[in-house]
C-alpha atoms as a PDB file:
ATOM      1  CA  MET A   1     154.906  71.744 189.624  1.00  0.00           C
ATOM      2  CA  ASP A   2     156.585  75.110 190.279  1.00  0.00           C
ATOM      3  CA  ARG A   3     159.876  73.347 190.854  1.00  0.00           C
ATOM      4  CA  ALA A   4     159.647  71.520 187.515  1.00  0.00           C
ATOM      5  CA  LEU A   5     158.757  74.759 185.732  1.00  0.00           C
ATOM      6  CA  ALA A   6     161.748  76.493 187.333  1.00  0.00           C
ATOM      7  CA  MET A   7     164.013  73.646 186.204  1.00  0.00           C
ATOM      8  CA  LEU A   8     162.842  74.044 182.618  1.00  0.00           C
ATOM      9  CA  ASN A   9     163.141  77.827 182.578  1.00  0.00           C
ATOM     10  CA  MET A  10     166.466  78.205 184.358  1.00  0.00           C
ATOM     11  CA  SER A  11     168.563  75.551 182.679  1.00  0.00           C
ATOM     12  CA  GLY A  12     169.002  76.378 179.004  1.00  0.00           C
ATOM     13  CA  PHE A  13     170.306  79.137 176.782  1.00  0.00           C
ATOM     14  CA  GLY A  14     168.989  80.163 173.349  1.00  0.00           C
ATOM     15  CA  ILE A  15     172.391  79.837 171.718  1.00  0.00           C
ATOM     16  CA  GLY A  16     171.500  78.356 168.327  1.00  0.00           C
ATOM     17  CA  THR A  17     168.771  80.792 167.448  1.00  0.00           C
ATOM     18  CA  PHE A  18     169.944  83.998 169.070  1.00  0.00           C
ATOM     19  CA  ALA A  19     173.698  83.914 169.721  1.00  0.00           C
ATOM     20  CA  LEU A  20     174.968  82.177 166.577  1.00  0.00           C
ATOM     21  CA  PRO A  21     173.906  84.937 164.154  1.00  0.00           C
ATOM     22  CA  PHE A  22     175.506  87.505 166.473  1.00  0.00           C
ATOM     23  CA  VAL A  23     178.780  85.561 166.714  1.00  0.00           C
ATOM     24  CA  GLN A  24     178.838  84.973 162.945  1.00  0.00           C
ATOM     25  CA  SER A  25     178.437  88.690 162.288  1.00  0.00           C
ATOM     26  CA  PHE A  26     180.833  90.238 164.780  1.00  0.00           C
ATOM     27  CA  PHE A  27     183.534  87.691 165.662  1.00  0.00           C
ATOM     28  CA  PRO A  28     186.114  85.622 163.765  1.00  0.00           C
ATOM     29  CA  ALA A  29     184.961  82.268 162.371  1.00  0.00           C
ATOM     30  CA  SER A  30     187.094  80.348 164.896  1.00  0.00           C
ATOM     31  CA  TYR A  31     184.827  81.583 167.724  1.00  0.00           C
ATOM     32  CA  LEU A  32     181.873  79.869 166.096  1.00  0.00           C
ATOM     33  CA  THR A  33     183.357  76.439 166.884  1.00  0.00           C
ATOM     34  CA  TYR A  34     183.342  77.128 170.615  1.00  0.00           C
ATOM     35  CA  VAL A  35     179.825  78.507 170.560  1.00  0.00           C
ATOM     36  CA  CYS A  36     178.596  75.453 168.624  1.00  0.00           C
ATOM     37  CA  LEU A  37     180.272  73.091 171.110  1.00  0.00           C
ATOM     38  CA  PHE A  38     178.579  74.929 173.973  1.00  0.00           C
ATOM     39  CA  ASP A  39     175.268  74.776 172.103  1.00  0.00           C
ATOM     40  CA  ILE A  40     175.534  71.004 171.648  1.00  0.00           C
ATOM     41  CA  GLY A  41     175.959  70.431 175.384  1.00  0.00           C
ATOM     42  CA  ASN A  42     173.317  73.006 176.175  1.00  0.00           C
ATOM     43  CA  SER A  43     170.828  71.414 173.763  1.00  0.00           C
ATOM     44  CA  LEU A  44     171.391  67.882 174.980  1.00  0.00           C
ATOM     45  CA  LEU A  45     170.706  69.010 178.519  1.00  0.00           C
ATOM     46  CA  SER A  46     167.950  71.544 178.023  1.00  0.00           C
ATOM     47  CA  LEU A  47     166.069  69.712 175.258  1.00  0.00           C
ATOM     48  CA  GLY A  48     166.407  66.231 176.704  1.00  0.00           C
ATOM     49  CA  GLY A  49     168.009  65.903 180.114  1.00  0.00           C
ATOM     50  CA  THR A  50     166.369  68.784 181.929  1.00  0.00           C
ATOM     51  CA  TYR A  51     162.955  67.927 180.498  1.00  0.00           C
ATOM     52  CA  THR A  52     163.375  64.367 181.764  1.00  0.00           C
ATOM     53  CA  LEU A  53     164.394  65.541 185.236  1.00  0.00           C
ATOM     54  CA  ALA A  54     161.551  68.067 185.350  1.00  0.00           C
ATOM     55  CA  SER A  55     159.015  65.414 184.357  1.00  0.00           C
ATOM     56  CA  ILE A  56     160.290  63.218 187.193  1.00  0.00           C
ATOM     57  CA  VAL A  57     159.967  66.115 189.659  1.00  0.00           C
ATOM     58  CA  ALA A  58     156.494  67.018 188.327  1.00  0.00           C
ATOM     59  CA  ARG A  59     155.184  63.491 188.921  1.00  0.00           C
ATOM     60  CA  PRO A  60     156.774  62.296 192.167  1.00  0.00           C
ATOM     61  CA  ASP A  61     154.129  59.584 192.661  1.00  0.00           C
ATOM     62  CA  GLU A  62     155.384  57.664 189.603  1.00  0.00           C
ATOM     63  CA  LYS A  63     158.316  55.316 190.051  1.00  0.00           C
ATOM     64  CA  VAL A  64     161.583  56.449 188.450  1.00  0.00           C
ATOM     65  CA  SER A  65     162.820  53.738 186.098  1.00  0.00           C
ATOM     66  CA  LEU A  66     165.247  53.443 183.240  1.00  0.00           C
ATOM     67  CA  LYS A  67     162.295  52.825 180.898  1.00  0.00           C
ATOM     68  CA  ARG A  68     160.600  56.070 181.987  1.00  0.00           C
ATOM     69  CA  VAL A  69     163.823  58.074 181.554  1.00  0.00           C
ATOM     70  CA  ALA A  70     164.525  56.522 178.127  1.00  0.00           C
ATOM     71  CA  LYS A  71     160.937  57.146 176.980  1.00  0.00           C
ATOM     72  CA  SER A  72     161.176  60.781 178.052  1.00  0.00           C
ATOM     73  CA  LEU A  73     164.527  61.299 176.330  1.00  0.00           C
ATOM     74  CA  LEU A  74     163.441  59.576 173.146  1.00  0.00           C
ATOM     75  CA  SER A  75     160.230  61.624 172.980  1.00  0.00           C
ATOM     76  CA  SER A  76     162.313  64.791 172.557  1.00  0.00           C
ATOM     77  CA  MET A  77     162.802  65.337 168.817  1.00  0.00           C
ATOM     78  CA  PRO A  78     165.749  67.774 169.186  1.00  0.00           C
ATOM     79  CA  PHE A  79     167.503  65.340 171.531  1.00  0.00           C
ATOM     80  CA  CYS A  80     167.004  62.455 169.093  1.00  0.00           C
ATOM     81  CA  THR A  81     168.218  64.644 166.219  1.00  0.00           C
ATOM     82  CA  TYR A  82     171.431  65.502 168.056  1.00  0.00           C
ATOM     83  CA  ILE A  83     172.043  61.829 168.863  1.00  0.00           C
ATOM     84  CA  PHE A  84     171.335  60.828 165.240  1.00  0.00           C
ATOM     85  CA  ILE A  85     173.708  63.467 163.838  1.00  0.00           C
ATOM     86  CA  PHE A  86     176.346  62.472 166.402  1.00  0.00           C
ATOM     87  CA  PHE A  87     176.232  58.866 165.183  1.00  0.00           C
ATOM     88  CA  LEU A  88     176.425  60.011 161.555  1.00  0.00           C
ATOM     89  CA  VAL A  89     179.601  61.943 162.367  1.00  0.00           C
ATOM     90  CA  VAL A  90     181.111  59.079 164.369  1.00  0.00           C
ATOM     91  CA  CYS A  91     180.404  56.630 161.542  1.00  0.00           C
ATOM     92  CA  GLY A  92     181.791  59.059 158.949  1.00  0.00           C
ATOM     93  CA  ILE A  93     178.523  59.270 157.011  1.00  0.00           C
ATOM     94  CA  LYS A  94     178.191  62.535 155.100  1.00  0.00           C
ATOM     95  CA  ILE A  95     174.756  63.980 154.397  1.00  0.00           C
ATOM     96  CA  PRO A  96     174.399  64.495 150.602  1.00  0.00           C
ATOM     97  CA  ASP A  97     174.594  68.074 149.367  1.00  0.00           C
ATOM     98  CA  ARG A  98     171.137  67.843 147.751  1.00  0.00           C
ATOM     99  CA  ILE A  99     169.565  67.137 151.139  1.00  0.00           C
ATOM    100  CA  LEU A 100     171.567  69.914 152.805  1.00  0.00           C
ATOM    101  CA  ILE A 101     170.393  72.422 150.192  1.00  0.00           C
ATOM    102  CA  VAL A 102     166.749  71.554 150.897  1.00  0.00           C
ATOM    103  CA  ILE A 103     167.261  71.586 154.690  1.00  0.00           C
ATOM    104  CA  ASN A 104     169.094  74.908 154.491  1.00  0.00           C
ATOM    105  CA  ILE A 105     165.967  76.756 153.301  1.00  0.00           C
ATOM    106  CA  PRO A 106     163.863  76.280 156.470  1.00  0.00           C
ATOM    107  CA  GLY A 107     167.037  76.411 158.566  1.00  0.00           C
ATOM    108  CA  ASN A 108     167.725  79.974 157.417  1.00  0.00           C
ATOM    109  CA  ALA A 109     164.210  80.989 158.472  1.00  0.00           C
ATOM    110  CA  ASN A 110     164.662  79.626 162.009  1.00  0.00           C
ATOM    111  CA  ALA A 111     165.888  82.820 163.705  1.00  0.00           C
ATOM    112  CA  PHE A 112     163.217  84.937 162.010  1.00  0.00           C
ATOM    113  CA  LEU A 113     160.436  82.507 162.953  1.00  0.00           C
ATOM    114  CA  CYS A 114     161.594  82.364 166.577  1.00  0.00           C
ATOM    115  CA  MET A 115     161.614  86.146 166.848  1.00  0.00           C
ATOM    116  CA  LEU A 116     158.212  86.310 165.148  1.00  0.00           C
ATOM    117  CA  MET A 117     156.719  83.768 167.561  1.00  0.00           C
ATOM    118  CA  ILE A 118     158.154  85.587 170.567  1.00  0.00           C
ATOM    119  CA  GLY A 119     156.686  88.841 169.260  1.00  0.00           C
ATOM    120  CA  ILE A 120     153.287  87.292 168.619  1.00  0.00           C
ATOM    121  CA  MET A 121     153.012  85.112 171.720  1.00  0.00           C
ATOM    122  CA  LEU A 122     154.706  87.247 174.382  1.00  0.00           C
ATOM    123  CA  GLU A 123     152.103  88.878 176.549  1.00  0.00           C
ATOM    124  CA  LEU A 124     153.267  90.194 179.890  1.00  0.00           C
ATOM    125  CA  LYS A 125     150.238  90.332 182.151  1.00  0.00           C
ATOM    126  CA  LEU A 126     151.492  89.318 185.556  1.00  0.00           C
ATOM    127  CA  ARG A 127     149.846  89.473 188.928  1.00  0.00           C
ATOM    128  CA  LYS A 128     152.017  90.695 191.784  1.00  0.00           C
ATOM    129  CA  SER A 129     152.655  87.156 193.079  1.00  0.00           C
ATOM    130  CA  GLU A 130     153.652  85.983 189.600  1.00  0.00           C
ATOM    131  CA  PHE A 131     155.936  88.986 189.134  1.00  0.00           C
ATOM    132  CA  TYR A 132     157.733  88.117 192.368  1.00  0.00           C
ATOM    133  CA  SER A 133     158.171  84.520 191.202  1.00  0.00           C
ATOM    134  CA  VAL A 134     159.608  85.610 187.825  1.00  0.00           C
ATOM    135  CA  TRP A 135     161.900  88.124 189.542  1.00  0.00           C
ATOM    136  CA  LYS A 136     163.137  85.434 191.949  1.00  0.00           C
ATOM    137  CA  TYR A 137     163.973  83.007 189.114  1.00  0.00           C
ATOM    138  CA  LEU A 138     165.657  85.719 187.052  1.00  0.00           C
ATOM    139  CA  CYS A 139     167.821  86.750 190.011  1.00  0.00           C
ATOM    140  CA  ARG A 140     168.827  83.128 190.622  1.00  0.00           C
ATOM    141  CA  ARG A 141     169.634  82.571 186.969  1.00  0.00           C
ATOM    142  CA  TYR A 142     171.729  85.724 186.636  1.00  0.00           C
ATOM    143  CA  ALA A 143     173.528  84.966 189.902  1.00  0.00           C
ATOM    144  CA  MET A 144     174.449  81.522 188.564  1.00  0.00           C
ATOM    145  CA  VAL A 145     175.577  82.949 185.215  1.00  0.00           C
ATOM    146  CA  ILE A 146     177.717  85.597 186.928  1.00  0.00           C
ATOM    147  CA  LEU A 147     179.236  82.970 189.229  1.00  0.00           C
ATOM    148  CA  PHE A 148     179.942  80.689 186.269  1.00  0.00           C
ATOM    149  CA  GLY A 149     181.494  83.599 184.336  1.00  0.00           C
ATOM    150  CA  ILE A 150     183.776  84.474 187.245  1.00  0.00           C
ATOM    151  CA  CYS A 151     184.847  80.822 187.529  1.00  0.00           C
ATOM    152  CA  VAL A 152     185.611  80.637 183.810  1.00  0.00           C
ATOM    153  CA  PHE A 153     187.557  83.910 183.988  1.00  0.00           C
ATOM    154  CA  CYS A 154     189.606  82.876 187.024  1.00  0.00           C
ATOM    155  CA  LEU A 155     190.195  79.231 186.057  1.00  0.00           C
ATOM    156  CA  ARG A 156     190.934  79.584 182.367  1.00  0.00           C
ATOM    157  CA  PRO A 157     194.207  77.892 181.383  1.00  0.00           C
ATOM    158  CA  TRP A 158     195.678  80.806 179.423  1.00  0.00           C
ATOM    159  CA  ARG A 159     195.547  83.037 182.506  1.00  0.00           C
ATOM    160  CA  ARG A 160     198.250  80.923 184.172  1.00  0.00           C
ATOM    161  CA  ARG A 161     200.392  81.072 181.042  1.00  0.00           C
ATOM    162  CA  LEU A 162     200.126  84.863 180.952  1.00  0.00           C
ATOM    163  CA  LYS A 163     201.340  85.151 184.549  1.00  0.00           C
ATOM    164  CA  ARG A 164     204.452  83.054 183.771  1.00  0.00           C
ATOM    165  CA  SER A 165     205.414  85.232 180.781  1.00  0.00           C
END
């Protein structure tokens, strides 16, 4: 069970709720495209794929089947929403402006509600053994993020172009 919990907590980033408002405020609009692309991949994995893998790890006695994986993926509302919107875009179907206006109202409250819920629900009362476990997962996560950042910095395509110039 600890392994499944670690998989859920170490895999995703809160891009849509926390990073998008920051990027919109301080960076050019073109940066928003890249952040949204990252958020799509992040959401598909963390809201669907990682949950499915963690549920498989949490219940090792159950047989892994395509039906079980599909049921787990399709029970994730954010995952289904992303797939639905993807098919709308692929088929060229535009959501009517009247619907977007109505959806925009609760959408604008999303960041505020997330911060409110974190403020209300966050209660840090950890025993020493739990603190060590949290510290261990945080160190692993930051080590992976730093490693990924170094790889992106060293392997980015424009770096090679700058050296040739």
